[in-house]
Amino acid sequence: MNAVSDFLGAGTTFVMFALVVAGVMKLFQLATDVREIKGVLTDIRRNTQDSARLPSVAALGASGVPTPEELVRAVHAQTFGDDFPL
């Protein structure tokens, strides 16, 4: 009877040790995933800041907000790759 309790105690110890090791491994995996996501978000932010060009202060009205006429002129000044024959 004493041997059965010894085996159960050793088995429980090994199972608990395996659970702790699996938890630590999962924690490191989660930290790596978060670090990768952070890097991707930084790249996205960097790319959007580069592509977002604000109009110059001279082109803006006195309040700093472009007027509708300035917006229309800016749209007509752009060239688009999908020109359709009219």
C-alpha atoms as a PDB file:
ATOM      1  CA  MET A   1       0.000   0.000   0.000  1.00  0.00           C
ATOM      2  CA  ASN A   2       2.926   2.282   0.725  1.00  0.00           C
ATOM      3  CA  ALA A   3       4.345   1.821  -2.807  1.00  0.00           C
ATOM      4  CA  VAL A   4       1.094   2.938  -4.473  1.00  0.00           C
ATOM      5  CA  SER A   5       1.070   6.230  -2.556  1.00  0.00           C
ATOM      6  CA  ASP A   6       4.753   6.749  -3.419  1.00  0.00           C
ATOM      7  CA  PHE A   7       4.023   6.276  -7.147  1.00  0.00           C
ATOM      8  CA  LEU A   8       1.028   8.617  -6.973  1.00  0.00           C
ATOM      9  CA  GLY A   9       3.108  11.256  -5.194  1.00  0.00           C
ATOM     10  CA  ALA A  10       5.933  11.000  -7.739  1.00  0.00           C
ATOM     11  CA  GLY A  11       3.477  11.081 -10.636  1.00  0.00           C
ATOM     12  CA  THR A  12       1.770  14.166  -9.224  1.00  0.00           C
ATOM     13  CA  THR A  13       5.146  15.855  -8.801  1.00  0.00           C
ATOM     14  CA  PHE A  14       6.123  15.135 -12.408  1.00  0.00           C
ATOM     15  CA  VAL A  15       2.767  16.364 -13.727  1.00  0.00           C
ATOM     16  CA  MET A  16       3.023  19.612 -11.745  1.00  0.00           C
ATOM     17  CA  PHE A  17       6.607  20.125 -12.930  1.00  0.00           C
ATOM     18  CA  ALA A  18       5.528  19.565 -16.551  1.00  0.00           C
ATOM     19  CA  LEU A  19       2.683  22.092 -16.119  1.00  0.00           C
ATOM     20  CA  VAL A  20       5.070  24.709 -14.721  1.00  0.00           C
ATOM     21  CA  VAL A  21       7.540  24.159 -17.574  1.00  0.00           C
ATOM     22  CA  ALA A  22       4.717  24.373 -20.156  1.00  0.00           C
ATOM     23  CA  GLY A  23       3.465  27.600 -18.543  1.00  0.00           C
ATOM     24  CA  VAL A  24       6.909  29.197 -18.661  1.00  0.00           C
ATOM     25  CA  MET A  25       7.370  28.172 -22.292  1.00  0.00           C
ATOM     26  CA  LYS A  26       3.958  29.625 -23.179  1.00  0.00           C
ATOM     27  CA  LEU A  27       4.855  32.865 -21.385  1.00  0.00           C
ATOM     28  CA  PHE A  28       8.041  33.241 -23.464  1.00  0.00           C
ATOM     29  CA  GLN A  29       6.084  32.450 -26.640  1.00  0.00           C
ATOM     30  CA  LEU A  30       3.513  35.119 -25.745  1.00  0.00           C
ATOM     31  CA  ALA A  31       6.273  37.667 -25.067  1.00  0.00           C
ATOM     32  CA  THR A  32       7.814  36.933 -28.468  1.00  0.00           C
ATOM     33  CA  ASP A  33       4.446  37.360 -30.206  1.00  0.00           C
ATOM     34  CA  VAL A  34       3.824  40.671 -28.450  1.00  0.00           C
ATOM     35  CA  ARG A  35       7.299  41.890 -29.445  1.00  0.00           C
ATOM     36  CA  GLU A  36       6.616  40.967 -33.100  1.00  0.00           C
ATOM     37  CA  ILE A  37       3.236  42.732 -33.055  1.00  0.00           C
ATOM     38  CA  LYS A  38       4.863  45.807 -31.539  1.00  0.00           C
ATOM     39  CA  GLY A  39       7.451  45.834 -34.330  1.00  0.00           C
ATOM     40  CA  VAL A  40       4.772  45.489 -37.007  1.00  0.00           C
ATOM     41  CA  LEU A  41       2.745  48.333 -35.495  1.00  0.00           C
ATOM     42  CA  THR A  42       5.865  50.514 -35.388  1.00  0.00           C
ATOM     43  CA  ASP A  43       6.523  49.765 -39.076  1.00  0.00           C
ATOM     44  CA  ILE A  44       2.921  50.579 -39.962  1.00  0.00           C
ATOM     45  CA  ARG A  45       3.088  53.861 -38.052  1.00  0.00           C
ATOM     46  CA  ARG A  46       6.380  54.761 -39.731  1.00  0.00           C
ATOM     47  CA  ASN A  47       4.982  54.000 -43.199  1.00  0.00           C
ATOM     48  CA  THR A  48       1.792  55.967 -42.662  1.00  0.00           C
ATOM     49  CA  GLN A  49       3.689  58.968 -41.329  1.00  0.00           C
ATOM     50  CA  ASP A  50       5.939  58.944 -44.409  1.00  0.00           C
ATOM     51  CA  SER A  51       3.060  58.728 -46.864  1.00  0.00           C
ATOM     52  CA  ALA A  52       0.829  61.297 -45.175  1.00  0.00           C
ATOM     53  CA  ARG A  53       1.888  64.600 -46.595  1.00  0.00           C
ATOM     54  CA  LEU A  54       0.300  67.619 -45.004  1.00  0.00           C
ATOM     55  CA  PRO A  55      -0.263  70.705 -47.135  1.00  0.00           C
ATOM     56  CA  SER A  56       2.154  73.522 -46.527  1.00  0.00           C
ATOM     57  CA  VAL A  57       1.180  76.314 -44.188  1.00  0.00           C
ATOM     58  CA  ALA A  58       1.261  78.818 -47.078  1.00  0.00           C
ATOM     59  CA  ALA A  59      -1.384  76.805 -48.951  1.00  0.00           C
ATOM     60  CA  LEU A  60      -3.737  76.804 -45.986  1.00  0.00           C
ATOM     61  CA  GLY A  61      -6.157  79.568 -45.173  1.00  0.00           C
ATOM     62  CA  ALA A  62      -5.708  81.933 -42.247  1.00  0.00           C
ATOM     63  CA  SER A  63      -7.311  79.443 -39.835  1.00  0.00           C
ATOM     64  CA  GLY A  64      -4.950  76.643 -40.854  1.00  0.00           C
ATOM     65  CA  VAL A  65      -7.789  74.634 -42.437  1.00  0.00           C
ATOM     66  CA  PRO A  66      -7.889  74.380 -46.247  1.00  0.00           C
ATOM     67  CA  THR A  67     -10.864  75.977 -47.926  1.00  0.00           C
ATOM     68  CA  PRO A  68     -13.134  73.904 -50.188  1.00  0.00           C
ATOM     69  CA  GLU A  69     -11.659  75.637 -53.227  1.00  0.00           C
ATOM     70  CA  GLU A  70      -8.129  74.639 -52.164  1.00  0.00           C
ATOM     71  CA  LEU A  71      -9.257  71.046 -51.646  1.00  0.00           C
ATOM     72  CA  VAL A  72     -10.827  70.894 -55.111  1.00  0.00           C
ATOM     73  CA  ARG A  73      -7.674  72.335 -56.684  1.00  0.00           C
ATOM     74  CA  ALA A  74      -5.556  69.754 -54.839  1.00  0.00           C
ATOM     75  CA  VAL A  75      -7.731  66.888 -56.120  1.00  0.00           C
ATOM     76  CA  HIS A  76      -7.610  68.160 -59.706  1.00  0.00           C
ATOM     77  CA  ALA A  77      -3.831  68.556 -59.478  1.00  0.00           C
ATOM     78  CA  GLN A  78      -3.377  64.859 -58.658  1.00  0.00           C
ATOM     79  CA  THR A  79      -2.846  62.284 -61.377  1.00  0.00           C
ATOM     80  CA  PHE A  80      -4.497  58.906 -61.138  1.00  0.00           C
ATOM     81  CA  GLY A  81      -3.369  55.676 -62.770  1.00  0.00           C
ATOM     82  CA  ASP A  82      -6.861  54.557 -63.729  1.00  0.00           C
ATOM     83  CA  ASP A  83      -7.775  57.279 -66.258  1.00  0.00           C
ATOM     84  CA  PHE A  84     -10.996  56.375 -68.027  1.00  0.00           C
ATOM     85  CA  PRO A  85     -11.821  57.852 -71.410  1.00  0.00           C
ATOM     86  CA  LEU A  86     -14.765  60.191 -71.087  1.00  0.00           C
END
